[in-house]
Amino acid sequence: MSVFLIAGFVILLGSLGLWRGIDIRADRAERARLLAYQPNAPALFDPAMVTDLPDPARRYFTFSIAAGTPLNTVADLAMTGQFSLGTKDAPAYMAMAATQTLAAPHGFVWRMSASNGLMRVSGSDSGKWTRFWLMGLAPVARTGGTRDHARAAFGRFAAEAVFWTPAAFLPGPGIAWTAVDASTARVTISNGERVQEVDLTVDAQGRPVTIYFQRWTNANADKVYRLQPFGGYLSKYRTFAGFTVPTYVEAGNQFRTDAYFPFFIADVSDVQFPAAG
């Protein structure tokens, strides 16, 4: 191998390393931006705040938030589980470890690494981008910066925030709850031009058991953005800083149809509500 080929290879690796570093710094900057939305002096939860909500929503909040809990709306989560880039017939699940910062309705950043044998994928997803790397060297699945991507991302993090950061969905500007039936309430979250409806189903105790919404996505054979059913199952509740949330989530496209495929299976190990930076 000539010295020129070796030099070219070294330059290529250095360039890719620099590019990867830029992505990591962007992740950190986005998390810092989101943490700034954490209330500096949060109000304390009073069940009277939800008295006028539809019964399923009222039960949900009184189960999820202990009286007197500081109403922090931004959370850091740590999770493990399984993630698939495959199909229902050939899921090829990869072992996953991830962290996520949620700050509804302002955004999220999900930082993930996954592996299956020698295959390794890592990167991040946010309201601004989707950026993943194969083996930490080759950039793959780099999208973002479009209205379609932003709309799809808004649906994802709005739905996740409903059950992981309940304080962000208490009655207030941009939040409206309506009853669907005796066990399901629909929340409409608005932020500027973006609006998302999410259906939350609870059991008799108010524990969230399913999430469902119409997501703007191109996860279909035509690779065309359109509304499709998305959702999943919630269980294994734990309490963190006064909030009781599901720590097991199984979710995917075409929820409640025969084509449902849970490509995302997560076990949450920790939820923290850090102070604004």
Protein backbone atom coordinates (compact mmCIF):
# COMPACT_ATOMS: atom_id res chain seq x y z
CA MET A 1 0.00 0.00 0.00
CA SER A 2 1.47 3.33 -1.06
CA VAL A 3 2.10 6.17 1.34
CA PHE A 4 -0.55 8.18 -0.51
CA LEU A 5 -3.22 5.55 0.10
CA ILE A 6 -2.26 5.35 3.76
CA ALA A 7 -2.36 9.13 4.09
CA GLY A 8 -5.75 9.23 2.36
CA PHE A 9 -7.10 6.56 4.69
CA VAL A 10 -5.86 8.44 7.76
CA ILE A 11 -7.40 11.69 6.50
CA LEU A 12 -10.71 9.90 5.85
CA LEU A 13 -10.79 8.43 9.36
CA GLY A 14 -9.89 11.78 10.84
CA SER A 15 -12.65 13.51 8.88
CA LEU A 16 -15.22 10.94 9.95
CA GLY A 17 -14.09 11.27 13.57
CA LEU A 18 -14.46 15.03 13.37
CA TRP A 19 -17.92 14.65 11.84
CA ARG A 20 -18.94 12.24 14.61
CA GLY A 21 -17.66 14.69 17.19
CA ILE A 22 -19.78 17.45 15.69
CA ASP A 23 -22.85 15.22 16.05
CA ILE A 24 -22.05 14.50 19.70
CA ARG A 25 -21.60 18.20 20.46
CA ALA A 26 -24.95 18.92 18.79
CA ASP A 27 -26.59 16.30 21.03
CA ARG A 28 -25.16 17.99 24.11
CA ALA A 29 -26.19 21.45 22.94
CA GLU A 30 -29.74 20.29 22.26
CA ARG A 31 -29.99 18.72 25.72
CA ALA A 32 -28.78 21.98 27.27
CA ARG A 33 -31.38 23.93 25.29
CA LEU A 34 -34.14 21.62 26.48
CA LEU A 35 -33.07 21.75 30.13
CA ALA A 36 -33.57 25.51 30.06
CA TYR A 37 -37.33 24.85 29.90
CA GLN A 38 -37.31 23.24 33.34
CA PRO A 39 -39.27 25.49 35.76
CA ASN A 40 -36.94 27.27 38.20
CA ALA A 41 -39.54 27.25 40.99
CA PRO A 42 -42.13 24.64 40.00
CA ALA A 43 -45.58 24.66 41.54
CA LEU A 44 -46.60 21.69 43.68
CA PHE A 45 -49.20 19.23 42.51
CA ASP A 46 -52.66 19.55 44.00
CA PRO A 47 -55.33 17.04 42.89
CA ALA A 48 -57.71 20.00 42.63
CA MET A 49 -55.77 20.97 39.48
CA VAL A 50 -57.39 18.10 37.59
CA THR A 51 -60.88 18.03 39.10
CA ASP A 52 -62.52 19.31 35.92
CA LEU A 53 -60.76 16.94 33.53
CA PRO A 54 -62.49 13.90 31.94
CA ASP A 55 -62.50 11.01 34.40
CA PRO A 56 -59.78 8.90 32.66
CA ALA A 57 -57.44 11.92 32.59
CA ARG A 58 -58.21 12.81 36.20
CA ARG A 59 -57.49 9.22 37.30
CA TYR A 60 -54.27 9.25 35.29
CA PHE A 61 -52.92 12.40 36.92
CA THR A 62 -53.84 11.41 40.47
CA PHE A 63 -52.14 8.04 39.93
CA SER A 64 -49.07 9.51 38.23
CA ILE A 65 -48.32 12.53 40.41
CA ALA A 66 -48.25 12.41 44.20
CA ALA A 67 -49.77 15.38 46.00
CA GLY A 68 -47.13 17.97 46.79
CA THR A 69 -44.76 16.86 43.99
CA PRO A 70 -42.80 19.71 42.33
CA LEU A 71 -44.19 19.94 38.80
CA ASN A 72 -41.02 19.55 36.79
CA THR A 73 -41.74 19.14 33.10
CA VAL A 74 -38.31 18.20 31.70
CA ALA A 75 -36.86 14.73 32.30
CA ASP A 76 -33.71 12.73 31.60
CA LEU A 77 -34.35 9.01 31.10
CA ALA A 78 -32.00 6.02 30.93
CA MET A 79 -33.18 2.85 29.22
CA THR A 80 -32.15 -0.49 27.78
CA GLY A 81 -34.09 -2.85 25.58
CA GLN A 82 -34.40 -3.89 21.96
CA PHE A 83 -34.54 -1.89 18.75
CA SER A 84 -35.22 -3.14 15.24
CA LEU A 85 -34.34 -1.77 11.84
CA GLY A 86 -35.95 -4.82 10.27
CA THR A 87 -39.49 -5.93 9.52
CA LYS A 88 -42.26 -7.82 11.30
CA ASP A 89 -41.24 -11.02 9.49
CA ALA A 90 -37.50 -10.47 10.08
CA PRO A 91 -37.08 -8.08 13.02
CA ALA A 92 -33.39 -8.78 13.72
CA TYR A 93 -33.63 -7.04 17.07
CA MET A 94 -30.53 -5.33 18.41
CA ALA A 95 -29.71 -4.91 22.09
CA MET A 96 -30.15 -1.23 22.88
CA ALA A 97 -28.96 1.25 25.50
CA ALA A 98 -30.14 4.84 25.36
CA THR A 99 -30.68 8.10 27.18
CA GLN A 100 -33.37 10.60 26.38
CA THR A 101 -34.19 14.17 27.34
CA LEU A 102 -37.86 15.11 27.03
CA ALA A 103 -39.13 18.68 27.19
CA ALA A 104 -42.64 18.74 25.71
CA PRO A 105 -43.72 20.64 23.71
CA HIS A 106 -40.29 22.06 22.92
CA GLY A 107 -38.38 18.99 21.81
CA PHE A 108 -36.39 15.89 22.71
CA VAL A 109 -33.07 14.24 22.05
CA TRP A 110 -32.64 10.45 22.16
CA ARG A 111 -29.06 9.13 22.18
CA MET A 112 -28.80 5.41 21.40
CA SER A 113 -26.32 2.61 20.77
CA ALA A 114 -27.42 -0.84 19.63
CA SER A 115 -25.72 -4.02 18.56
CA ASN A 116 -26.42 -7.48 17.18
CA GLY A 117 -23.32 -9.62 16.96
CA LEU A 118 -20.68 -7.60 15.12
CA MET A 119 -23.26 -5.08 13.89
CA ARG A 120 -23.22 -1.80 15.85
CA VAL A 121 -25.37 1.28 15.29
CA SER A 122 -25.20 4.47 17.33
CA GLY A 123 -26.41 8.04 17.07
CA SER A 124 -29.31 10.24 17.99
CA ASP A 125 -32.84 11.27 17.11
CA SER A 126 -34.42 14.64 17.84
CA GLY A 127 -36.99 17.10 16.61
CA LYS A 128 -34.31 18.50 14.32
CA TRP A 129 -32.46 15.47 12.99
CA THR A 130 -32.06 11.71 12.78
CA ARG A 131 -28.34 10.80 12.68
CA PHE A 132 -26.96 7.32 13.05
CA TRP A 133 -23.55 5.77 12.48
CA LEU A 134 -22.64 2.22 11.50
CA MET A 135 -19.73 0.86 13.55
CA GLY A 136 -19.07 4.42 14.71
CA LEU A 137 -17.45 5.14 11.32
CA ALA A 138 -20.00 5.25 8.49
CA PRO A 139 -22.83 7.82 8.60
CA VAL A 140 -26.23 6.28 7.84
CA ALA A 141 -29.89 7.35 8.14
CA ARG A 142 -29.13 11.06 8.16
CA THR A 143 -32.34 13.04 7.77
CA GLY A 144 -33.90 16.16 9.22
CA GLY A 145 -34.40 19.82 8.63
CA THR A 146 -37.74 19.35 6.84
CA ARG A 147 -41.35 20.02 7.82
CA ASP A 148 -42.13 16.31 7.39
CA HIS A 149 -39.35 15.24 9.75
CA ALA A 150 -40.31 17.86 12.34
CA ARG A 151 -43.96 16.82 12.21
CA ALA A 152 -43.09 13.14 12.59
CA ALA A 153 -40.75 13.87 15.50
CA PHE A 154 -43.34 16.04 17.22
CA GLY A 155 -45.78 13.12 17.22
CA ARG A 156 -43.21 10.77 18.69
CA PHE A 157 -42.06 12.90 21.59
CA ALA A 158 -45.52 14.26 22.36
CA ALA A 159 -46.80 10.71 22.83
CA GLU A 160 -43.82 9.62 24.93
CA ALA A 161 -43.95 12.74 27.06
CA VAL A 162 -47.60 12.10 27.91
CA PHE A 163 -46.70 9.09 30.05
CA TRP A 164 -43.09 9.95 31.02
CA THR A 165 -43.49 13.64 31.93
CA PRO A 166 -47.10 13.99 33.09
CA ALA A 167 -46.61 17.47 34.58
CA ALA A 168 -46.15 18.83 31.05
CA PHE A 169 -49.74 17.82 30.26
CA LEU A 170 -51.61 19.40 33.11
CA PRO A 171 -54.32 21.86 32.01
CA GLY A 172 -52.79 25.00 30.55
CA PRO A 173 -51.93 26.77 27.30
CA GLY A 174 -51.51 24.35 24.41
CA ILE A 175 -53.07 21.42 26.31
CA ALA A 176 -56.69 20.25 25.93
CA TRP A 177 -58.18 17.02 27.27
CA THR A 178 -61.39 15.36 26.06
CA ALA A 179 -63.03 12.04 26.85
CA VAL A 180 -63.03 9.23 24.29
CA ASP A 181 -64.72 6.62 26.49
CA ALA A 182 -64.78 5.52 30.13
CA SER A 183 -61.12 4.46 30.08
CA THR A 184 -59.56 6.64 27.38
CA ALA A 185 -58.83 10.36 27.26
CA ARG A 186 -57.50 12.31 24.32
CA VAL A 187 -54.98 15.10 24.81
CA THR A 188 -54.35 17.66 22.10
CA ILE A 189 -50.96 19.31 22.40
CA SER A 190 -50.24 22.45 20.38
CA ASN A 191 -46.98 24.29 19.83
CA GLY A 192 -47.05 26.92 17.11
CA GLU A 193 -48.14 25.32 13.84
CA ARG A 194 -47.76 21.79 15.20
CA VAL A 195 -50.74 19.99 16.71
CA GLN A 196 -50.87 16.36 17.84
CA GLU A 197 -53.71 14.31 19.33
CA VAL A 198 -52.77 11.39 21.58
CA ASP A 199 -55.14 8.84 23.11
CA LEU A 200 -54.17 7.53 26.54
CA THR A 201 -55.99 4.50 27.94
CA VAL A 202 -55.86 3.83 31.69
CA ASP A 203 -57.04 1.05 33.96
CA ALA A 204 -59.35 1.39 36.97
CA GLN A 205 -56.47 2.70 39.10
CA GLY A 206 -55.47 5.31 36.53
CA ARG A 207 -52.36 3.45 35.37
CA PRO A 208 -51.59 4.15 31.69
CA VAL A 209 -51.79 0.90 29.74
CA THR A 210 -51.80 1.92 26.05
CA ILE A 211 -50.91 4.95 23.99
CA TYR A 212 -52.28 5.55 20.50
CA PHE A 213 -52.07 8.31 17.91
CA GLN A 214 -52.01 8.98 14.19
CA ARG A 215 -48.36 9.66 13.33
CA TRP A 216 -47.06 11.49 10.29
CA THR A 217 -44.50 9.03 8.92
CA ASN A 218 -42.95 7.53 5.80
CA ALA A 219 -42.54 4.11 7.44
CA ASN A 220 -44.44 2.33 4.70
CA ALA A 221 -43.76 0.44 1.49
CA ASP A 222 -44.24 3.58 -0.59
CA LYS A 223 -41.82 5.65 1.56
CA VAL A 224 -44.38 8.46 1.41
CA TYR A 225 -45.26 10.61 4.41
CA ARG A 226 -48.84 10.09 5.57
CA LEU A 227 -50.80 9.56 8.76
CA GLN A 228 -50.59 6.01 10.12
CA PRO A 229 -51.61 4.42 13.43
CA PHE A 230 -48.80 4.25 15.97
CA GLY A 231 -48.82 3.20 19.60
CA GLY A 232 -47.91 0.64 22.17
CA TYR A 233 -48.30 -1.01 25.55
CA LEU A 234 -47.18 0.40 28.89
CA SER A 235 -46.49 -1.42 32.17
CA LYS A 236 -44.09 -1.94 35.13
CA TYR A 237 -44.70 1.29 37.02
CA ARG A 238 -42.08 2.90 39.26
CA THR A 239 -41.95 6.15 41.17
CA PHE A 240 -39.26 8.78 40.57
CA ALA A 241 -39.31 12.07 42.51
CA GLY A 242 -43.05 11.81 43.09
CA PHE A 243 -43.95 10.76 39.52
CA THR A 244 -45.14 7.18 38.90
CA VAL A 245 -44.51 6.24 35.29
CA PRO A 246 -44.41 3.09 33.15
CA THR A 247 -40.91 1.70 32.81
CA TYR A 248 -41.70 -0.92 30.16
CA VAL A 249 -42.78 0.28 26.74
CA GLU A 250 -43.40 -1.74 23.60
CA ALA A 251 -44.35 0.38 20.58
CA GLY A 252 -44.46 0.42 16.82
CA ASN A 253 -46.21 1.24 13.61
CA GLN A 254 -49.69 0.09 12.59
CA PHE A 255 -50.80 -0.26 16.22
CA ARG A 256 -54.13 -2.08 16.64
CA THR A 257 -53.88 -3.65 13.19
CA ASP A 258 -52.63 -7.03 11.97
CA ALA A 259 -49.53 -5.27 10.65
CA TYR A 260 -48.46 -4.02 14.09
CA PHE A 261 -44.72 -4.44 14.60
CA PRO A 262 -43.12 -3.36 17.91
CA PHE A 263 -39.71 -2.16 16.71
CA PHE A 264 -39.07 -0.29 19.98
CA ILE A 265 -38.99 -2.21 23.30
CA ALA A 266 -37.62 -0.31 26.27
CA ASP A 267 -36.99 -0.88 29.96
CA VAL A 268 -36.46 2.42 31.76
CA SER A 269 -33.98 2.18 34.63
CA ASP A 270 -33.94 5.81 35.77
CA VAL A 271 -35.87 9.05 35.41
CA GLN A 272 -34.44 12.31 36.71
CA PHE A 273 -35.73 15.88 36.62
CA PRO A 274 -32.56 17.99 36.49
CA ALA A 275 -32.56 21.68 37.31
CA ALA A 276 -32.37 24.15 34.47
CA GLY A 277 -28.80 24.69 33.34
